[in-house]
All heavy atoms as atom14 arrays in JSON, in Angstrom:
{
  "sequence": "SVIVSGAGAVAERAGLLPVNGYYSAWYYVPAVVTATQYWLC",
  "atom14_mask": [
    [1, 1, 1, 1, 1, 1, 0, 0, 0, 0, 0, 0, 0, 0],
    [1, 1, 1, 1, 1, 1, 1, 0, 0, 0, 0, 0, 0, 0],
    [1, 1, 1, 1, 1, 1, 1, 1, 0, 0, 0, 0, 0, 0],
    [1, 1, 1, 1, 1, 1, 1, 0, 0, 0, 0, 0, 0, 0],
    [1, 1, 1, 1, 1, 1, 0, 0, 0, 0, 0, 0, 0, 0],
    [1, 1, 1, 1, 0, 0, 0, 0, 0, 0, 0, 0, 0, 0],
    [1, 1, 1, 1, 1, 0, 0, 0, 0, 0, 0, 0, 0, 0],
    [1, 1, 1, 1, 0, 0, 0, 0, 0, 0, 0, 0, 0, 0],
    [1, 1, 1, 1, 1, 0, 0, 0, 0, 0, 0, 0, 0, 0],
    [1, 1, 1, 1, 1, 1, 1, 0, 0, 0, 0, 0, 0, 0],
    [1, 1, 1, 1, 1, 0, 0, 0, 0, 0, 0, 0, 0, 0],
    [1, 1, 1, 1, 1, 1, 1, 1, 1, 0, 0, 0, 0, 0],
    [1, 1, 1, 1, 1, 1, 1, 1, 1, 1, 1, 0, 0, 0],
    [1, 1, 1, 1, 1, 0, 0, 0, 0, 0, 0, 0, 0, 0],
    [1, 1, 1, 1, 0, 0, 0, 0, 0, 0, 0, 0, 0, 0],
    [1, 1, 1, 1, 1, 1, 1, 1, 0, 0, 0, 0, 0, 0],
    [1, 1, 1, 1, 1, 1, 1, 1, 0, 0, 0, 0, 0, 0],
    [1, 1, 1, 1, 1, 1, 1, 0, 0, 0, 0, 0, 0, 0],
    [1, 1, 1, 1, 1, 1, 1, 0, 0, 0, 0, 0, 0, 0],
    [1, 1, 1, 1, 1, 1, 1, 1, 0, 0, 0, 0, 0, 0],
    [1, 1, 1, 1, 0, 0, 0, 0, 0, 0, 0, 0, 0, 0],
    [1, 1, 1, 1, 1, 1, 1, 1, 1, 1, 1, 1, 0, 0],
    [1, 1, 1, 1, 1, 1, 1, 1, 1, 1, 1, 1, 0, 0],
    [1, 1, 1, 1, 1, 1, 0, 0, 0, 0, 0, 0, 0, 0],
    [1, 1, 1, 1, 1, 0, 0, 0, 0, 0, 0, 0, 0, 0],
    [1, 1, 1, 1, 1, 1, 1, 1, 1, 1, 1, 1, 1, 1],
    [1, 1, 1, 1, 1, 1, 1, 1, 1, 1, 1, 1, 0, 0],
    [1, 1, 1, 1, 1, 1, 1, 1, 1, 1, 1, 1, 0, 0],
    [1, 1, 1, 1, 1, 1, 1, 0, 0, 0, 0, 0, 0, 0],
    [1, 1, 1, 1, 1, 1, 1, 0, 0, 0, 0, 0, 0, 0],
    [1, 1, 1, 1, 1, 0, 0, 0, 0, 0, 0, 0, 0, 0],
    [1, 1, 1, 1, 1, 1, 1, 0, 0, 0, 0, 0, 0, 0],
    [1, 1, 1, 1, 1, 1, 1, 0, 0, 0, 0, 0, 0, 0],
    [1, 1, 1, 1, 1, 1, 1, 0, 0, 0, 0, 0, 0, 0],
    [1, 1, 1, 1, 1, 0, 0, 0, 0, 0, 0, 0, 0, 0],
    [1, 1, 1, 1, 1, 1, 1, 0, 0, 0, 0, 0, 0, 0],
    [1, 1, 1, 1, 1, 1, 1, 1, 1, 0, 0, 0, 0, 0],
    [1, 1, 1, 1, 1, 1, 1, 1, 1, 1, 1, 1, 0, 0],
    [1, 1, 1, 1, 1, 1, 1, 1, 1, 1, 1, 1, 1, 1],
    [1, 1, 1, 1, 1, 1, 1, 1, 0, 0, 0, 0, 0, 0],
    [1, 1, 1, 1, 1, 1, 0, 0, 0, 0, 0, 0, 0, 0]
  ],
  "atom14_positions": [
    [[-72.08, 62.41, -49.56], [-71.04, 62.91, -50.5], [-70.02, 61.76, -50.66], [-69.39, 61.39, -49.65], [-70.45, 64.19, -49.98], [-69.31, 64.57, -50.69], [0.0, 0.0, 0.0], [0.0, 0.0, 0.0], [0.0, 0.0, 0.0], [0.0, 0.0, 0.0], [0.0, 0.0, 0.0], [0.0, 0.0, 0.0], [0.0, 0.0, 0.0], [0.0, 0.0, 0.0]],
    [[-69.84, 61.31, -51.93], [-68.85, 60.35, -52.17], [-67.76, 60.92, -53.19], [-68.2, 61.42, -54.19], [-69.44, 59.11, -52.86], [-68.36, 58.0, -53.09], [-70.55, 58.59, -51.96], [0.0, 0.0, 0.0], [0.0, 0.0, 0.0], [0.0, 0.0, 0.0], [0.0, 0.0, 0.0], [0.0, 0.0, 0.0], [0.0, 0.0, 0.0], [0.0, 0.0, 0.0]],
    [[-66.53, 60.88, -52.79], [-65.57, 61.51, -53.64], [-64.28, 60.6, -53.76], [-64.06, 59.67, -53.04], [-65.03, 62.84, -52.95], [-64.62, 62.59, -51.51], [-66.09, 63.94, -53.11], [-64.08, 63.86, -50.85], [0.0, 0.0, 0.0], [0.0, 0.0, 0.0], [0.0, 0.0, 0.0], [0.0, 0.0, 0.0], [0.0, 0.0, 0.0], [0.0, 0.0, 0.0]],
    [[-63.57, 60.9, -54.9], [-62.24, 60.31, -55.14], [-61.23, 61.38, -55.17], [-61.6, 62.6, -55.13], [-62.29, 59.52, -56.44], [-63.22, 58.35, -56.35], [-62.61, 60.4, -57.63], [0.0, 0.0, 0.0], [0.0, 0.0, 0.0], [0.0, 0.0, 0.0], [0.0, 0.0, 0.0], [0.0, 0.0, 0.0], [0.0, 0.0, 0.0], [0.0, 0.0, 0.0]],
    [[-59.9, 61.02, -55.29], [-58.88, 62.14, -55.25], [-59.12, 63.08, -56.38], [-59.39, 62.73, -57.53], [-57.61, 61.43, -55.45], [-56.51, 62.39, -55.35], [0.0, 0.0, 0.0], [0.0, 0.0, 0.0], [0.0, 0.0, 0.0], [0.0, 0.0, 0.0], [0.0, 0.0, 0.0], [0.0, 0.0, 0.0], [0.0, 0.0, 0.0], [0.0, 0.0, 0.0]],
    [[-59.17, 64.29, -56.02], [-59.31, 65.42, -57.0], [-60.79, 65.71, -57.33], [-61.06, 66.46, -58.28], [0.0, 0.0, 0.0], [0.0, 0.0, 0.0], [0.0, 0.0, 0.0], [0.0, 0.0, 0.0], [0.0, 0.0, 0.0], [0.0, 0.0, 0.0], [0.0, 0.0, 0.0], [0.0, 0.0, 0.0], [0.0, 0.0, 0.0], [0.0, 0.0, 0.0]],
    [[-61.73, 65.15, -56.57], [-63.19, 65.33, -56.84], [-63.79, 66.18, -55.83], [-63.27, 66.4, -54.74], [-63.82, 63.96, -56.94], [0.0, 0.0, 0.0], [0.0, 0.0, 0.0], [0.0, 0.0, 0.0], [0.0, 0.0, 0.0], [0.0, 0.0, 0.0], [0.0, 0.0, 0.0], [0.0, 0.0, 0.0], [0.0, 0.0, 0.0], [0.0, 0.0, 0.0]],
    [[-65.07, 66.58, -56.14], [-65.9, 67.32, -55.17], [-67.31, 66.9, -55.36], [-67.8, 66.55, -56.41], [0.0, 0.0, 0.0], [0.0, 0.0, 0.0], [0.0, 0.0, 0.0], [0.0, 0.0, 0.0], [0.0, 0.0, 0.0], [0.0, 0.0, 0.0], [0.0, 0.0, 0.0], [0.0, 0.0, 0.0], [0.0, 0.0, 0.0], [0.0, 0.0, 0.0]],
    [[-68.12, 67.02, -54.24], [-69.47, 66.74, -54.21], [-70.05, 67.55, -53.04], [-70.0, 67.03, -51.9], [-69.76, 65.27, -54.09], [0.0, 0.0, 0.0], [0.0, 0.0, 0.0], [0.0, 0.0, 0.0], [0.0, 0.0, 0.0], [0.0, 0.0, 0.0], [0.0, 0.0, 0.0], [0.0, 0.0, 0.0], [0.0, 0.0, 0.0], [0.0, 0.0, 0.0]],
    [[-70.64, 68.69, -53.26], [-71.13, 69.58, -52.26], [-72.49, 70.11, -52.49], [-72.95, 70.19, -53.67], [-70.17, 70.68, -51.91], [-68.73, 70.2, -51.68], [-70.13, 71.65, -53.08], [0.0, 0.0, 0.0], [0.0, 0.0, 0.0], [0.0, 0.0, 0.0], [0.0, 0.0, 0.0], [0.0, 0.0, 0.0], [0.0, 0.0, 0.0], [0.0, 0.0, 0.0]],
    [[-73.09, 70.64, -51.42], [-74.33, 71.46, -51.54], [-74.02, 72.78, -50.89], [-73.17, 72.91, -50.04], [-75.53, 70.79, -50.74], [0.0, 0.0, 0.0], [0.0, 0.0, 0.0], [0.0, 0.0, 0.0], [0.0, 0.0, 0.0], [0.0, 0.0, 0.0], [0.0, 0.0, 0.0], [0.0, 0.0, 0.0], [0.0, 0.0, 0.0], [0.0, 0.0, 0.0]],
    [[-74.63, 73.79, -51.39], [-74.26, 75.19, -50.92], [-75.5, 76.08, -50.84], [-76.55, 75.89, -51.47], [-73.27, 75.82, -51.73], [-73.82, 76.32, -53.13], [-72.75, 77.16, -53.87], [-71.58, 77.01, -53.64], [-73.22, 77.91, -54.79], [0.0, 0.0, 0.0], [0.0, 0.0, 0.0], [0.0, 0.0, 0.0], [0.0, 0.0, 0.0], [0.0, 0.0, 0.0]],
    [[-75.35, 77.13, -49.94], [-76.27, 78.21, -49.88], [-75.41, 79.45, -50.21], [-74.22, 79.59, -49.77], [-76.89, 78.47, -48.49], [-77.85, 77.29, -48.06], [-79.09, 77.31, -48.91], [-80.0, 78.39, -48.45], [-81.07, 78.75, -49.17], [-81.46, 78.07, -50.27], [-81.82, 79.73, -48.72], [0.0, 0.0, 0.0], [0.0, 0.0, 0.0], [0.0, 0.0, 0.0]],
    [[-75.91, 80.43, -50.9], [-75.1, 81.52, -51.44], [-75.9, 82.79, -51.58], [-77.1, 82.72, -51.83], [-74.43, 81.16, -52.71], [0.0, 0.0, 0.0], [0.0, 0.0, 0.0], [0.0, 0.0, 0.0], [0.0, 0.0, 0.0], [0.0, 0.0, 0.0], [0.0, 0.0, 0.0], [0.0, 0.0, 0.0], [0.0, 0.0, 0.0], [0.0, 0.0, 0.0]],
    [[-75.24, 83.86, -51.5], [-75.86, 85.17, -51.75], [-75.59, 86.21, -50.63], [-74.5, 86.1, -50.06], [0.0, 0.0, 0.0], [0.0, 0.0, 0.0], [0.0, 0.0, 0.0], [0.0, 0.0, 0.0], [0.0, 0.0, 0.0], [0.0, 0.0, 0.0], [0.0, 0.0, 0.0], [0.0, 0.0, 0.0], [0.0, 0.0, 0.0], [0.0, 0.0, 0.0]],
    [[-76.58, 87.02, -50.39], [-76.45, 87.98, -49.26], [-76.92, 87.35, -47.91], [-77.9, 87.6, -47.38], [-77.26, 89.18, -49.57], [-76.69, 90.11, -50.65], [-77.61, 91.35, -50.87], [-75.22, 90.57, -50.31], [0.0, 0.0, 0.0], [0.0, 0.0, 0.0], [0.0, 0.0, 0.0], [0.0, 0.0, 0.0], [0.0, 0.0, 0.0], [0.0, 0.0, 0.0]],
    [[-76.09, 86.34, -47.5], [-76.36, 85.65, -46.21], [-76.03, 86.61, -45.08], [-75.4, 87.62, -45.32], [-75.66, 84.27, -46.22], [-75.87, 83.35, -47.37], [-75.04, 82.04, -47.19], [-77.32, 83.07, -47.55], [0.0, 0.0, 0.0], [0.0, 0.0, 0.0], [0.0, 0.0, 0.0], [0.0, 0.0, 0.0], [0.0, 0.0, 0.0], [0.0, 0.0, 0.0]],
    [[-76.34, 86.27, -43.84], [-76.2, 87.18, -42.71], [-74.73, 87.54, -42.62], [-73.82, 86.7, -42.54], [-76.74, 86.5, -41.54], [-76.81, 85.11, -41.95], [-77.05, 85.09, -43.39], [0.0, 0.0, 0.0], [0.0, 0.0, 0.0], [0.0, 0.0, 0.0], [0.0, 0.0, 0.0], [0.0, 0.0, 0.0], [0.0, 0.0, 0.0], [0.0, 0.0, 0.0]],
    [[-74.38, 88.84, -42.52], [-72.99, 89.25, -42.37], [-72.51, 88.85, -40.96], [-71.33, 88.46, -40.81], [-72.95, 90.86, -42.34], [-71.56, 91.36, -41.97], [-73.27, 91.26, -43.85], [0.0, 0.0, 0.0], [0.0, 0.0, 0.0], [0.0, 0.0, 0.0], [0.0, 0.0, 0.0], [0.0, 0.0, 0.0], [0.0, 0.0, 0.0], [0.0, 0.0, 0.0]],
    [[-73.37, 88.77, -39.94], [-73.08, 88.12, -38.65], [-74.01, 86.93, -38.54], [-75.19, 87.09, -38.2], [-73.36, 89.14, -37.52], [-72.4, 90.29, -37.53], [-71.25, 90.18, -37.07], [-72.87, 91.42, -38.06], [0.0, 0.0, 0.0], [0.0, 0.0, 0.0], [0.0, 0.0, 0.0], [0.0, 0.0, 0.0], [0.0, 0.0, 0.0], [0.0, 0.0, 0.0]],
    [[-73.45, 85.78, -38.83], [-74.34, 84.63, -38.89], [-73.62, 83.31, -38.37], [-72.38, 83.25, -38.32], [0.0, 0.0, 0.0], [0.0, 0.0, 0.0], [0.0, 0.0, 0.0], [0.0, 0.0, 0.0], [0.0, 0.0, 0.0], [0.0, 0.0, 0.0], [0.0, 0.0, 0.0], [0.0, 0.0, 0.0], [0.0, 0.0, 0.0], [0.0, 0.0, 0.0]],
    [[-74.48, 82.31, -38.02], [-73.95, 81.04, -37.54], [-74.37, 79.98, -38.67], [-75.57, 79.98, -39.11], [-74.64, 80.68, -36.27], [-74.13, 81.59, -35.15], [-74.68, 82.79, -34.9], [-73.09, 81.12, -34.27], [-74.3, 83.62, -33.82], [-72.63, 81.92, -33.23], [-73.16, 83.15, -33.05], [-72.75, 84.0, -32.0], [0.0, 0.0, 0.0], [0.0, 0.0, 0.0]],
    [[-73.44, 79.12, -38.96], [-73.61, 78.07, -39.95], [-73.32, 76.73, -39.37], [-72.19, 76.54, -38.78], [-72.69, 78.36, -41.17], [-72.95, 79.7, -41.89], [-72.5, 80.94, -41.18], [-73.64, 79.87, -42.96], [-72.73, 82.11, -41.75], [-73.92, 81.02, -43.63], [-73.49, 82.23, -42.96], [-73.73, 83.43, -43.6], [0.0, 0.0, 0.0], [0.0, 0.0, 0.0]],
    [[-74.31, 75.88, -39.35], [-74.16, 74.65, -38.62], [-74.53, 73.49, -39.48], [-75.52, 73.53, -40.2], [-75.06, 74.71, -37.34], [-75.22, 73.46, -36.78], [0.0, 0.0, 0.0], [0.0, 0.0, 0.0], [0.0, 0.0, 0.0], [0.0, 0.0, 0.0], [0.0, 0.0, 0.0], [0.0, 0.0, 0.0], [0.0, 0.0, 0.0], [0.0, 0.0, 0.0]],
    [[-73.88, 72.33, -39.31], [-74.17, 71.08, -39.96], [-73.7, 69.92, -39.21], [-72.7, 70.02, -38.47], [-73.67, 70.99, -41.42], [0.0, 0.0, 0.0], [0.0, 0.0, 0.0], [0.0, 0.0, 0.0], [0.0, 0.0, 0.0], [0.0, 0.0, 0.0], [0.0, 0.0, 0.0], [0.0, 0.0, 0.0], [0.0, 0.0, 0.0], [0.0, 0.0, 0.0]],
    [[-74.38, 68.83, -39.25], [-73.98, 67.55, -38.53], [-73.45, 66.64, -39.55], [-73.92, 66.45, -40.68], [-75.2, 67.01, -37.89], [-75.68, 67.7, -36.66], [-76.38, 68.87, -36.62], [-75.29, 67.43, -35.32], [-76.57, 69.25, -35.29], [-75.92, 68.35, -34.48], [-74.54, 66.3, -34.65], [-75.74, 68.38, -33.09], [-74.4, 66.34, -33.38], [-75.03, 67.3, -32.5]],
    [[-72.32, 65.92, -39.16], [-71.54, 65.03, -40.06], [-71.5, 63.6, -39.43], [-71.38, 63.51, -38.17], [-70.16, 65.6, -40.14], [-70.01, 66.83, -41.02], [-70.4, 68.09, -40.48], [-69.67, 66.87, -42.36], [-70.4, 69.25, -41.26], [-69.57, 67.97, -43.1], [-69.95, 69.19, -42.52], [-69.87, 70.33, -43.27], [0.0, 0.0, 0.0], [0.0, 0.0, 0.0]],
    [[-71.45, 62.67, -40.34], [-71.15, 61.33, -40.06], [-70.05, 60.77, -40.97], [-70.22, 60.77, -42.17], [-72.43, 60.46, -40.13], [-72.28, 59.05, -39.66], [-72.67, 58.65, -38.39], [-71.78, 58.01, -40.5], [-72.57, 57.36, -37.93], [-71.69, 56.71, -40.02], [-72.1, 56.42, -38.74], [-72.0, 55.06, -38.35], [0.0, 0.0, 0.0], [0.0, 0.0, 0.0]],
    [[-68.93, 60.34, -40.44], [-67.79, 59.88, -41.25], [-67.67, 58.39, -40.88], [-67.36, 57.99, -39.77], [-66.46, 60.56, -40.85], [-65.31, 60.03, -41.63], [-66.62, 62.09, -41.11], [0.0, 0.0, 0.0], [0.0, 0.0, 0.0], [0.0, 0.0, 0.0], [0.0, 0.0, 0.0], [0.0, 0.0, 0.0], [0.0, 0.0, 0.0], [0.0, 0.0, 0.0]],
    [[-68.07, 57.41, -41.81], [-68.12, 56.01, -41.46], [-66.79, 55.45, -41.19], [-66.72, 54.52, -40.38], [-68.7, 55.5, -42.72], [-69.39, 56.57, -43.49], [-68.58, 57.81, -43.19], [0.0, 0.0, 0.0], [0.0, 0.0, 0.0], [0.0, 0.0, 0.0], [0.0, 0.0, 0.0], [0.0, 0.0, 0.0], [0.0, 0.0, 0.0], [0.0, 0.0, 0.0]],
    [[-65.63, 55.9, -41.81], [-64.37, 55.27, -41.64], [-63.19, 56.23, -41.77], [-63.35, 57.27, -42.43], [-64.24, 54.19, -42.69], [0.0, 0.0, 0.0], [0.0, 0.0, 0.0], [0.0, 0.0, 0.0], [0.0, 0.0, 0.0], [0.0, 0.0, 0.0], [0.0, 0.0, 0.0], [0.0, 0.0, 0.0], [0.0, 0.0, 0.0], [0.0, 0.0, 0.0]],
    [[-62.13, 55.88, -41.12], [-60.88, 56.76, -41.17], [-60.35, 56.68, -42.58], [-60.29, 55.62, -43.16], [-59.84, 56.29, -40.12], [-58.55, 57.01, -40.27], [-60.47, 56.45, -38.72], [0.0, 0.0, 0.0], [0.0, 0.0, 0.0], [0.0, 0.0, 0.0], [0.0, 0.0, 0.0], [0.0, 0.0, 0.0], [0.0, 0.0, 0.0], [0.0, 0.0, 0.0]],
    [[-59.88, 57.82, -43.03], [-59.05, 57.96, -44.18], [-57.62, 57.96, -43.66], [-57.2, 58.81, -42.78], [-59.39, 59.16, -45.05], [-58.29, 59.38, -46.11], [-60.76, 59.01, -45.7], [0.0, 0.0, 0.0], [0.0, 0.0, 0.0], [0.0, 0.0, 0.0], [0.0, 0.0, 0.0], [0.0, 0.0, 0.0], [0.0, 0.0, 0.0], [0.0, 0.0, 0.0]],
    [[-56.75, 57.07, -44.17], [-55.42, 56.92, -43.57], [-54.42, 57.95, -44.03], [-53.47, 58.22, -43.31], [-54.89, 55.5, -43.89], [-54.84, 55.32, -45.34], [-55.71, 54.37, -43.3], [0.0, 0.0, 0.0], [0.0, 0.0, 0.0], [0.0, 0.0, 0.0], [0.0, 0.0, 0.0], [0.0, 0.0, 0.0], [0.0, 0.0, 0.0], [0.0, 0.0, 0.0]],
    [[-54.61, 58.58, -45.21], [-53.69, 59.59, -45.64], [-54.32, 60.46, -46.61], [-55.09, 59.98, -47.55], [-52.41, 58.94, -46.25], [0.0, 0.0, 0.0], [0.0, 0.0, 0.0], [0.0, 0.0, 0.0], [0.0, 0.0, 0.0], [0.0, 0.0, 0.0], [0.0, 0.0, 0.0], [0.0, 0.0, 0.0], [0.0, 0.0, 0.0], [0.0, 0.0, 0.0]],
    [[-54.24, 61.73, -46.54], [-54.75, 62.68, -47.44], [-54.08, 64.1, -47.33], [-53.66, 64.44, -46.22], [-56.24, 62.9, -47.25], [-56.82, 63.79, -48.22], [-56.65, 63.46, -45.84], [0.0, 0.0, 0.0], [0.0, 0.0, 0.0], [0.0, 0.0, 0.0], [0.0, 0.0, 0.0], [0.0, 0.0, 0.0], [0.0, 0.0, 0.0], [0.0, 0.0, 0.0]],
    [[-54.01, 64.81, -48.46], [-53.53, 66.14, -48.4], [-54.56, 66.99, -47.67], [-54.27, 67.77, -46.82], [-53.22, 66.66, -49.82], [-52.06, 66.01, -50.49], [-51.84, 66.63, -51.87], [-52.37, 67.63, -52.19], [-51.01, 65.97, -52.67], [0.0, 0.0, 0.0], [0.0, 0.0, 0.0], [0.0, 0.0, 0.0], [0.0, 0.0, 0.0], [0.0, 0.0, 0.0]],
    [[-55.79, 66.82, -48.07], [-56.93, 67.47, -47.38], [-58.17, 66.72, -47.87], [-58.29, 66.3, -48.98], [-57.03, 68.93, -47.56], [-57.22, 69.36, -49.05], [-58.47, 69.43, -49.6], [-56.13, 69.69, -49.81], [-58.66, 69.84, -50.87], [-56.29, 70.08, -51.09], [-57.56, 70.15, -51.64], [-57.71, 70.5, -52.95], [0.0, 0.0, 0.0], [0.0, 0.0, 0.0]],
    [[-59.18, 66.61, -46.91], [-60.52, 66.17, -47.16], [-61.44, 67.35, -46.66], [-61.73, 67.37, -45.45], [-60.82, 64.86, -46.58], [-62.19, 64.29, -46.8], [-63.15, 64.71, -47.65], [-62.7, 63.06, -46.2], [-64.24, 63.95, -47.61], [-64.0, 62.89, -46.74], [-62.23, 62.19, -45.21], [-64.89, 61.86, -46.33], [-63.0, 61.1, -44.89], [-64.31, 60.99, -45.44]],
    [[-61.75, 68.19, -47.53], [-62.55, 69.41, -47.19], [-64.02, 69.01, -46.94], [-64.59, 68.2, -47.6], [-62.52, 70.4, -48.38], [-63.2, 71.77, -48.06], [-62.47, 72.8, -48.95], [-64.67, 71.79, -48.43], [0.0, 0.0, 0.0], [0.0, 0.0, 0.0], [0.0, 0.0, 0.0], [0.0, 0.0, 0.0], [0.0, 0.0, 0.0], [0.0, 0.0, 0.0]],
    [[-64.56, 69.54, -45.82], [-66.01, 69.15, -45.41], [-66.9, 70.36, -45.25], [-68.12, 70.2, -45.23], [-65.93, 68.38, -44.15], [-65.32, 69.2, -42.72], [0.0, 0.0, 0.0], [0.0, 0.0, 0.0], [0.0, 0.0, 0.0], [0.0, 0.0, 0.0], [0.0, 0.0, 0.0], [0.0, 0.0, 0.0], [0.0, 0.0, 0.0], [0.0, 0.0, 0.0]]
  ]
}
């Protein structure tokens, strides 16, 4: 996922997913972002 300010790039699963469920993903962040309002992951 490559983004610039105000952008989004995501994959999703949606629908009647388990009401009691676990959601897991592994992340690799190559470099520190020095300042941001938020970087949603």
